[in-house]
C-alpha atoms as a PDB file:
ATOM      1  CA  MET A   1      51.588 -49.839 -30.317  1.00  0.00           C
ATOM      2  CA  LYS A   2      54.523 -50.209 -32.724  1.00  0.00           C
ATOM      3  CA  ILE A   3      58.184 -50.271 -31.726  1.00  0.00           C
ATOM      4  CA  LEU A   4      61.050 -50.121 -34.222  1.00  0.00           C
ATOM      5  CA  ILE A   5      64.536 -51.455 -33.465  1.00  0.00           C
ATOM      6  CA  ILE A   6      67.367 -50.251 -35.719  1.00  0.00           C
ATOM      7  CA  GLU A   7      70.375 -52.442 -34.956  1.00  0.00           C
ATOM      8  CA  ASP A   8      72.837 -53.959 -37.446  1.00  0.00           C
ATOM      9  CA  GLU A   9      74.174 -56.794 -35.248  1.00  0.00           C
ATOM     10  CA  ALA A  10      71.664 -59.642 -35.578  1.00  0.00           C
ATOM     11  CA  ARG A  11      72.487 -61.190 -32.194  1.00  0.00           C
ATOM     12  CA  ILE A  12      71.985 -57.913 -30.328  1.00  0.00           C
ATOM     13  CA  ALA A  13      68.881 -57.080 -32.361  1.00  0.00           C
ATOM     14  CA  LYS A  14      67.300 -60.415 -31.374  1.00  0.00           C
ATOM     15  CA  ARG A  15      68.183 -59.826 -27.715  1.00  0.00           C
ATOM     16  CA  ILE A  16      66.630 -56.357 -27.739  1.00  0.00           C
ATOM     17  CA  GLU A  17      63.579 -57.715 -29.533  1.00  0.00           C
ATOM     18  CA  ARG A  18      63.138 -60.472 -26.943  1.00  0.00           C
ATOM     19  CA  MET A  19      63.449 -58.047 -24.019  1.00  0.00           C
ATOM     20  CA  THR A  20      61.040 -55.661 -25.692  1.00  0.00           C
ATOM     21  CA  ARG A  21      58.430 -58.366 -26.261  1.00  0.00           C
ATOM     22  CA  ASP A  22      58.848 -59.576 -22.671  1.00  0.00           C
ATOM     23  CA  PHE A  23      58.170 -56.095 -21.304  1.00  0.00           C
ATOM     24  CA  PHE A  24      55.290 -54.920 -23.482  1.00  0.00           C
ATOM     25  CA  ASP A  25      51.954 -56.651 -24.016  1.00  0.00           C
ATOM     26  CA  LYS A  26      51.422 -59.211 -26.762  1.00  0.00           C
ATOM     27  CA  GLU A  27      49.545 -56.731 -28.953  1.00  0.00           C
ATOM     28  CA  THR A  28      52.658 -54.581 -29.321  1.00  0.00           C
ATOM     29  CA  GLN A  29      54.197 -54.907 -32.783  1.00  0.00           C
ATOM     30  CA  VAL A  30      58.002 -55.009 -32.788  1.00  0.00           C
ATOM     31  CA  LEU A  31      59.748 -54.216 -36.078  1.00  0.00           C
ATOM     32  CA  VAL A  32      63.467 -54.673 -36.743  1.00  0.00           C
ATOM     33  CA  SER A  33      65.679 -52.949 -39.321  1.00  0.00           C
ATOM     34  CA  ASP A  34      69.400 -53.546 -39.832  1.00  0.00           C
ATOM     35  CA  SER A  35      70.374 -50.314 -41.595  1.00  0.00           C
ATOM     36  CA  ILE A  36      69.627 -46.606 -41.779  1.00  0.00           C
ATOM     37  CA  GLU A  37      67.943 -46.978 -45.177  1.00  0.00           C
ATOM     38  CA  ASN A  38      65.694 -49.834 -44.054  1.00  0.00           C
ATOM     39  CA  GLY A  39      64.905 -48.038 -40.814  1.00  0.00           C
ATOM     40  CA  LEU A  40      63.848 -44.823 -42.532  1.00  0.00           C
ATOM     41  CA  ASN A  41      61.745 -46.796 -45.014  1.00  0.00           C
ATOM     42  CA  THR A  42      60.001 -48.519 -42.106  1.00  0.00           C
ATOM     43  CA  ILE A  43      59.335 -45.175 -40.419  1.00  0.00           C
ATOM     44  CA  ASP A  44      57.828 -43.843 -43.654  1.00  0.00           C
ATOM     45  CA  LYS A  45      55.487 -46.845 -43.924  1.00  0.00           C
ATOM     46  CA  HIS A  46      54.505 -47.267 -40.275  1.00  0.00           C
ATOM     47  CA  SER A  47      53.289 -44.951 -37.555  1.00  0.00           C
ATOM     48  CA  ILE A  48      55.630 -46.015 -34.760  1.00  0.00           C
ATOM     49  CA  ASP A  49      55.452 -45.055 -31.085  1.00  0.00           C
ATOM     50  CA  LEU A  50      58.996 -45.831 -29.961  1.00  0.00           C
ATOM     51  CA  LEU A  51      62.355 -46.083 -31.732  1.00  0.00           C
ATOM     52  CA  LEU A  52      65.256 -48.087 -30.280  1.00  0.00           C
ATOM     53  CA  LEU A  53      68.309 -46.858 -32.164  1.00  0.00           C
ATOM     54  CA  ASP A  54      71.971 -47.859 -32.343  1.00  0.00           C
ATOM     55  CA  LEU A  55      74.400 -45.113 -33.365  1.00  0.00           C
ATOM     56  CA  ASN A  56      76.955 -47.268 -35.208  1.00  0.00           C
ATOM     57  CA  LEU A  57      75.239 -49.102 -38.062  1.00  0.00           C
ATOM     58  CA  ASN A  58      77.726 -50.868 -40.356  1.00  0.00           C
ATOM     59  CA  GLY A  59      79.911 -47.777 -40.266  1.00  0.00           C
ATOM     60  CA  GLU A  60      76.955 -45.447 -40.818  1.00  0.00           C
ATOM     61  CA  ASP A  61      76.065 -42.854 -38.204  1.00  0.00           C
ATOM     62  CA  GLY A  62      72.751 -43.401 -36.417  1.00  0.00           C
ATOM     63  CA  PHE A  63      72.572 -39.642 -35.919  1.00  0.00           C
ATOM     64  CA  ASP A  64      71.588 -39.487 -39.590  1.00  0.00           C
ATOM     65  CA  VAL A  65      68.386 -41.225 -38.526  1.00  0.00           C
ATOM     66  CA  LEU A  66      68.011 -39.100 -35.404  1.00  0.00           C
ATOM     67  CA  GLN A  67      68.419 -35.834 -37.293  1.00  0.00           C
ATOM     68  CA  THR A  68      65.855 -36.933 -39.874  1.00  0.00           C
ATOM     69  CA  VAL A  69      63.150 -38.122 -37.486  1.00  0.00           C
ATOM     70  CA  VAL A  70      63.744 -36.121 -34.302  1.00  0.00           C
ATOM     71  CA  SER A  71      60.739 -33.907 -35.046  1.00  0.00           C
ATOM     72  CA  LYS A  72      58.427 -36.930 -35.363  1.00  0.00           C
ATOM     73  CA  SER A  73      55.785 -37.681 -32.766  1.00  0.00           C
ATOM     74  CA  PHE A  74      57.419 -40.878 -31.427  1.00  0.00           C
ATOM     75  CA  GLN A  75      59.998 -41.158 -28.649  1.00  0.00           C
ATOM     76  CA  THR A  76      63.567 -42.406 -29.168  1.00  0.00           C
ATOM     77  CA  ILE A  77      65.800 -44.473 -26.890  1.00  0.00           C
ATOM     78  CA  ILE A  78      69.442 -44.793 -27.929  1.00  0.00           C
ATOM     79  CA  ILE A  79      71.146 -48.159 -27.300  1.00  0.00           C
ATOM     80  CA  SER A  80      74.811 -47.666 -28.114  1.00  0.00           C
ATOM     81  CA  ALA A  81      78.413 -48.126 -26.984  1.00  0.00           C
ATOM     82  CA  SER A  82      79.163 -44.576 -28.171  1.00  0.00           C
ATOM     83  CA  THR A  83      78.686 -43.070 -24.715  1.00  0.00           C
ATOM     84  CA  ASP A  84      80.664 -39.995 -25.718  1.00  0.00           C
ATOM     85  CA  LYS A  85      77.646 -39.015 -27.841  1.00  0.00           C
ATOM     86  CA  ALA A  86      75.118 -39.215 -25.009  1.00  0.00           C
ATOM     87  CA  ILE A  87      74.983 -35.476 -24.297  1.00  0.00           C
ATOM     88  CA  LEU A  88      74.538 -34.685 -27.981  1.00  0.00           C
ATOM     89  CA  ALA A  89      71.745 -37.270 -28.178  1.00  0.00           C
ATOM     90  CA  PHE A  90      69.910 -35.683 -25.242  1.00  0.00           C
ATOM     91  CA  ASN A  91      70.313 -32.301 -26.921  1.00  0.00           C
ATOM     92  CA  TYR A  92      68.249 -33.720 -29.777  1.00  0.00           C
ATOM     93  CA  GLY A  93      65.518 -34.727 -27.364  1.00  0.00           C
ATOM     94  CA  VAL A  94      65.956 -38.496 -27.022  1.00  0.00           C
ATOM     95  CA  LEU A  95      64.167 -39.996 -24.044  1.00  0.00           C
ATOM     96  CA  ASP A  96      67.060 -42.118 -22.742  1.00  0.00           C
ATOM     97  CA  PHE A  97      70.548 -43.368 -23.613  1.00  0.00           C
ATOM     98  CA  VAL A  98      71.238 -47.026 -22.737  1.00  0.00           C
ATOM     99  CA  PRO A  99      74.982 -47.746 -22.949  1.00  0.00           C
ATOM    100  CA  LYS A 100      76.246 -51.050 -24.316  1.00  0.00           C
ATOM    101  CA  PRO A 101      76.836 -53.557 -22.868  1.00  0.00           C
ATOM    102  CA  PHE A 102      73.469 -53.438 -21.088  1.00  0.00           C
ATOM    103  CA  ASP A 103      71.361 -55.801 -19.033  1.00  0.00           C
ATOM    104  CA  GLU A 104      67.617 -56.286 -18.987  1.00  0.00           C
ATOM    105  CA  ASN A 105      67.155 -54.142 -15.878  1.00  0.00           C
ATOM    106  CA  ARG A 106      68.680 -51.112 -17.593  1.00  0.00           C
ATOM    107  CA  LEU A 107      66.499 -51.549 -20.664  1.00  0.00           C
ATOM    108  CA  VAL A 108      63.411 -51.968 -18.467  1.00  0.00           C
ATOM    109  CA  GLN A 109      64.334 -48.698 -16.760  1.00  0.00           C
ATOM    110  CA  ALA A 110      64.277 -46.994 -20.154  1.00  0.00           C
ATOM    111  CA  PHE A 111      60.935 -48.608 -21.010  1.00  0.00           C
ATOM    112  CA  MET A 112      59.482 -47.439 -17.686  1.00  0.00           C
ATOM    113  CA  ARG A 113      60.554 -43.916 -18.538  1.00  0.00           C
ATOM    114  CA  PHE A 114      58.682 -44.284 -21.818  1.00  0.00           C
ATOM    115  CA  ILE A 115      55.405 -45.452 -20.312  1.00  0.00           C
ATOM    116  CA  THR A 116      55.366 -43.294 -17.192  1.00  0.00           C
ATOM    117  CA  SER A 117      53.609 -39.964 -17.151  1.00  0.00           C
ATOM    118  CA  GLU A 118      56.264 -38.463 -14.913  1.00  0.00           C
ATOM    119  CA  LYS A 119      58.554 -35.805 -16.292  1.00  0.00           C
ATOM    120  CA  LYS A 120      62.071 -36.795 -17.200  1.00  0.00           C
ATOM    121  CA  GLY A 121      63.351 -33.481 -15.861  1.00  0.00           C
ATOM    122  CA  SER A 122      66.529 -33.611 -17.912  1.00  0.00           C
ATOM    123  CA  GLN A 123      68.767 -30.603 -17.541  1.00  0.00           C
ATOM    124  CA  GLU A 124      70.809 -31.636 -20.586  1.00  0.00           C
ATOM    125  CA  LEU A 125      68.111 -30.924 -23.152  1.00  0.00           C
ATOM    126  CA  GLN A 126      69.137 -27.805 -25.041  1.00  0.00           C
ATOM    127  CA  PHE A 127      67.164 -28.018 -28.284  1.00  0.00           C
ATOM    128  CA  LEU A 128      63.831 -29.082 -29.698  1.00  0.00           C
ATOM    129  CA  ALA A 129      63.914 -29.945 -33.371  1.00  0.00           C
ATOM    130  CA  VAL A 130      61.184 -28.917 -35.792  1.00  0.00           C
ATOM    131  CA  LYS A 131      60.887 -29.912 -39.421  1.00  0.00           C
ATOM    132  CA  LYS A 132      61.019 -26.987 -41.864  1.00  0.00           C
ATOM    133  CA  ALA A 133      60.369 -28.065 -45.461  1.00  0.00           C
ATOM    134  CA  LYS A 134      63.053 -30.721 -46.040  1.00  0.00           C
ATOM    135  CA  SER A 135      65.400 -29.596 -43.274  1.00  0.00           C
ATOM    136  CA  ILE A 136      65.561 -29.798 -39.484  1.00  0.00           C
ATOM    137  CA  LYS A 137      65.644 -26.598 -37.433  1.00  0.00           C
ATOM    138  CA  LEU A 138      66.896 -26.682 -33.857  1.00  0.00           C
ATOM    139  CA  ILE A 139      65.034 -24.419 -31.430  1.00  0.00           C
ATOM    140  CA  PRO A 140      66.996 -23.547 -28.252  1.00  0.00           C
ATOM    141  CA  VAL A 141      64.945 -24.515 -25.203  1.00  0.00           C
ATOM    142  CA  LYS A 142      66.040 -21.288 -23.486  1.00  0.00           C
ATOM    143  CA  GLU A 143      64.071 -19.314 -26.111  1.00  0.00           C
ATOM    144  CA  ILE A 144      60.749 -21.047 -25.335  1.00  0.00           C
ATOM    145  CA  ILE A 145      58.305 -19.043 -23.188  1.00  0.00           C
ATOM    146  CA  TYR A 146      55.473 -21.552 -23.312  1.00  0.00           C
ATOM    147  CA  ILE A 147      54.118 -24.457 -25.338  1.00  0.00           C
ATOM    148  CA  LYS A 148      50.492 -24.736 -26.403  1.00  0.00           C
ATOM    149  CA  GLY A 149      48.680 -27.854 -27.524  1.00  0.00           C
ATOM    150  CA  ALA A 150      47.261 -27.407 -31.013  1.00  0.00           C
ATOM    151  CA  GLY A 151      45.472 -30.559 -32.135  1.00  0.00           C
ATOM    152  CA  ILE A 152      48.000 -33.154 -33.254  1.00  0.00           C
ATOM    153  CA  TYR A 153      50.750 -30.525 -33.016  1.00  0.00           C
ATOM    154  CA  THR A 154      52.161 -28.255 -30.343  1.00  0.00           C
ATOM    155  CA  GLU A 155      53.047 -24.600 -30.728  1.00  0.00           C
ATOM    156  CA  LEU A 156      56.396 -23.401 -29.387  1.00  0.00           C
ATOM    157  CA  HIS A 157      55.958 -19.740 -28.406  1.00  0.00           C
ATOM    158  CA  LEU A 158      59.381 -18.099 -28.451  1.00  0.00           C
ATOM    159  CA  SER A 159      60.863 -15.059 -26.745  1.00  0.00           C
ATOM    160  CA  ASP A 160      61.142 -13.131 -30.029  1.00  0.00           C
ATOM    161  CA  GLY A 161      57.419 -13.576 -30.753  1.00  0.00           C
ATOM    162  CA  ARG A 162      57.782 -16.401 -33.282  1.00  0.00           C
ATOM    163  CA  ILE A 163      55.658 -19.539 -33.139  1.00  0.00           C
ATOM    164  CA  GLU A 164      57.088 -22.850 -34.352  1.00  0.00           C
ATOM    165  CA  LEU A 165      54.987 -26.005 -34.862  1.00  0.00           C
ATOM    166  CA  HIS A 166      56.265 -29.230 -33.307  1.00  0.00           C
ATOM    167  CA  ASP A 167      55.060 -32.781 -33.980  1.00  0.00           C
ATOM    168  CA  LYS A 168      55.406 -34.116 -30.433  1.00  0.00           C
ATOM    169  CA  SER A 169      52.420 -33.983 -28.083  1.00  0.00           C
ATOM    170  CA  LEU A 170      52.394 -32.018 -24.837  1.00  0.00           C
ATOM    171  CA  GLU A 171      52.598 -35.308 -22.944  1.00  0.00           C
ATOM    172  CA  SER A 172      55.732 -36.329 -24.859  1.00  0.00           C
ATOM    173  CA  LEU A 173      57.394 -32.954 -24.410  1.00  0.00           C
ATOM    174  CA  GLU A 174      56.567 -32.910 -20.715  1.00  0.00           C
ATOM    175  CA  LYS A 175      58.785 -35.990 -20.273  1.00  0.00           C
ATOM    176  CA  LEU A 176      61.705 -34.364 -22.087  1.00  0.00           C
ATOM    177  CA  LEU A 177      61.759 -30.764 -20.895  1.00  0.00           C
ATOM    178  CA  PRO A 178      63.899 -29.505 -17.990  1.00  0.00           C
ATOM    179  CA  SER A 179      62.284 -29.054 -14.588  1.00  0.00           C
ATOM    180  CA  SER A 180      62.027 -25.313 -15.245  1.00  0.00           C
ATOM    181  CA  PHE A 181      58.953 -26.117 -17.368  1.00  0.00           C
ATOM    182  CA  GLU A 182      55.603 -26.643 -15.643  1.00  0.00           C
ATOM    183  CA  ARG A 183      52.317 -28.062 -16.923  1.00  0.00           C
ATOM    184  CA  ILE A 184      49.793 -25.417 -15.840  1.00  0.00           C
ATOM    185  CA  HIS A 185      46.806 -26.521 -17.916  1.00  0.00           C
ATOM    186  CA  LYS A 186      45.802 -29.464 -20.099  1.00  0.00           C
ATOM    187  CA  SER A 187      46.806 -27.353 -23.111  1.00  0.00           C
ATOM    188  CA  TYR A 188      49.802 -25.392 -21.783  1.00  0.00           C
ATOM    189  CA  ILE A 189      53.344 -25.960 -20.547  1.00  0.00           C
ATOM    190  CA  LEU A 190      55.030 -22.832 -19.184  1.00  0.00           C
ATOM    191  CA  CYS A 191      58.674 -21.939 -18.639  1.00  0.00           C
ATOM    192  CA  TRP A 192      58.404 -21.135 -14.936  1.00  0.00           C
ATOM    193  CA  ASN A 193      60.927 -18.294 -15.220  1.00  0.00           C
ATOM    194  CA  GLU A 194      58.372 -16.407 -17.350  1.00  0.00           C
ATOM    195  CA  ALA A 195      55.616 -16.489 -14.684  1.00  0.00           C
ATOM    196  CA  GLU A 196      54.701 -13.147 -13.080  1.00  0.00           C
ATOM    197  CA  LYS A 197      51.615 -13.806 -10.922  1.00  0.00           C
ATOM    198  CA  LEU A 198      48.337 -15.684 -10.678  1.00  0.00           C
ATOM    199  CA  VAL A 199      45.198 -13.801 -11.610  1.00  0.00           C
ATOM    200  CA  VAL A 200      41.859 -14.937 -10.173  1.00  0.00           C
ATOM    201  CA  GLU A 201      38.778 -13.878 -12.119  1.00  0.00           C
ATOM    202  CA  ALA A 202      35.097 -13.923 -11.227  1.00  0.00           C
ATOM    203  CA  GLY A 203      33.534 -17.351 -11.495  1.00  0.00           C
ATOM    204  CA  GLY A 204      36.638 -19.167 -10.273  1.00  0.00           C
ATOM    205  CA  LYS A 205      38.701 -18.787 -13.440  1.00  0.00           C
ATOM    206  CA  TYR A 206      42.464 -18.757 -13.000  1.00  0.00           C
ATOM    207  CA  ASN A 207      45.095 -17.284 -15.283  1.00  0.00           C
ATOM    208  CA  MET A 208      48.847 -16.850 -15.194  1.00  0.00           C
ATOM    209  CA  LEU A 209      50.177 -13.406 -16.053  1.00  0.00           C
ATOM    210  CA  LEU A 210      53.494 -13.700 -17.863  1.00  0.00           C
ATOM    211  CA  LYS A 211      56.335 -11.203 -17.731  1.00  0.00           C
ATOM    212  CA  ASN A 212      55.601 -10.283 -21.348  1.00  0.00           C
ATOM    213  CA  GLY A 213      52.000  -9.369 -20.461  1.00  0.00           C
ATOM    214  CA  GLU A 214      50.294 -12.451 -21.897  1.00  0.00           C
ATOM    215  CA  LEU A 215      47.661 -14.359 -19.924  1.00  0.00           C
ATOM    216  CA  LEU A 216      47.548 -18.150 -19.972  1.00  0.00           C
ATOM    217  CA  PRO A 217      44.765 -20.276 -18.446  1.00  0.00           C
ATOM    218  CA  VAL A 218      45.530 -22.299 -15.323  1.00  0.00           C
ATOM    219  CA  GLY A 219      43.717 -25.589 -14.740  1.00  0.00           C
ATOM    220  CA  ARG A 220      41.573 -25.839 -11.622  1.00  0.00           C
ATOM    221  CA  SER A 221      43.428 -28.968 -10.534  1.00  0.00           C
ATOM    222  CA  LYS A 222      46.752 -27.112 -10.865  1.00  0.00           C
ATOM    223  CA  TYR A 223      45.781 -23.928  -9.024  1.00  0.00           C
ATOM    224  CA  LYS A 224      46.760 -24.868  -5.446  1.00  0.00           C
ATOM    225  CA  GLU A 225      50.080 -26.398  -6.507  1.00  0.00           C
ATOM    226  CA  ILE A 226      50.994 -23.371  -8.619  1.00  0.00           C
ATOM    227  CA  LYS A 227      49.896 -20.904  -5.944  1.00  0.00           C
ATOM    228  CA  THR A 228      52.187 -22.639  -3.457  1.00  0.00           C
ATOM    229  CA  LYS A 229      55.144 -22.466  -5.842  1.00  0.00           C
ATOM    230  CA  LEU A 230      54.639 -18.736  -6.378  1.00  0.00           C
ATOM    231  CA  ILE A 231      54.712 -17.917  -2.672  1.00  0.00           C
END
């Protein structure tokens, strides 16, 4: 696993690096960049799993990094004194916002959120960002009917019939999406508001009928839980 820290204050960068190394196993590679340019160059050269990002970098705005890489497959934790930007950061799909000054317990809490399989359940998330050519396109979460796993990508199926490709895995998105989204199958996350009814077919196959008429498969292990929620 590779973790990148983008922090311009050397003392704070070393502190974050130490806490990061203390938490993760010795095989984890921790990289440090002190500017937006160096950070983006590192991201281009390395396949990272987690980004720890400050928002004020020698007068430069860390959101320039966030807007460039938000569609990437890694997760991002903001570590910043700019708490007034927390809601905006969550709108871009960051996993957590650790306000400065911080202690080790608060950073560990953020790391636990990264490694856990539990959903974050954030109600603040309003957009998912997808990369279109050389630009970033923000997709309102309220327009997503369901998300389908598609190899290394996921497909965002939208209310107007469009499909947008996203670089984050289903597992990563499951941590970020509001609690109105439910994992119903190993390959599908559904906006629960779009569910109509469960359909049981011969041979013990289960499907979810959506309000738009589509049928999505339901995993056997999920059937009882979903049936209970629909009652």
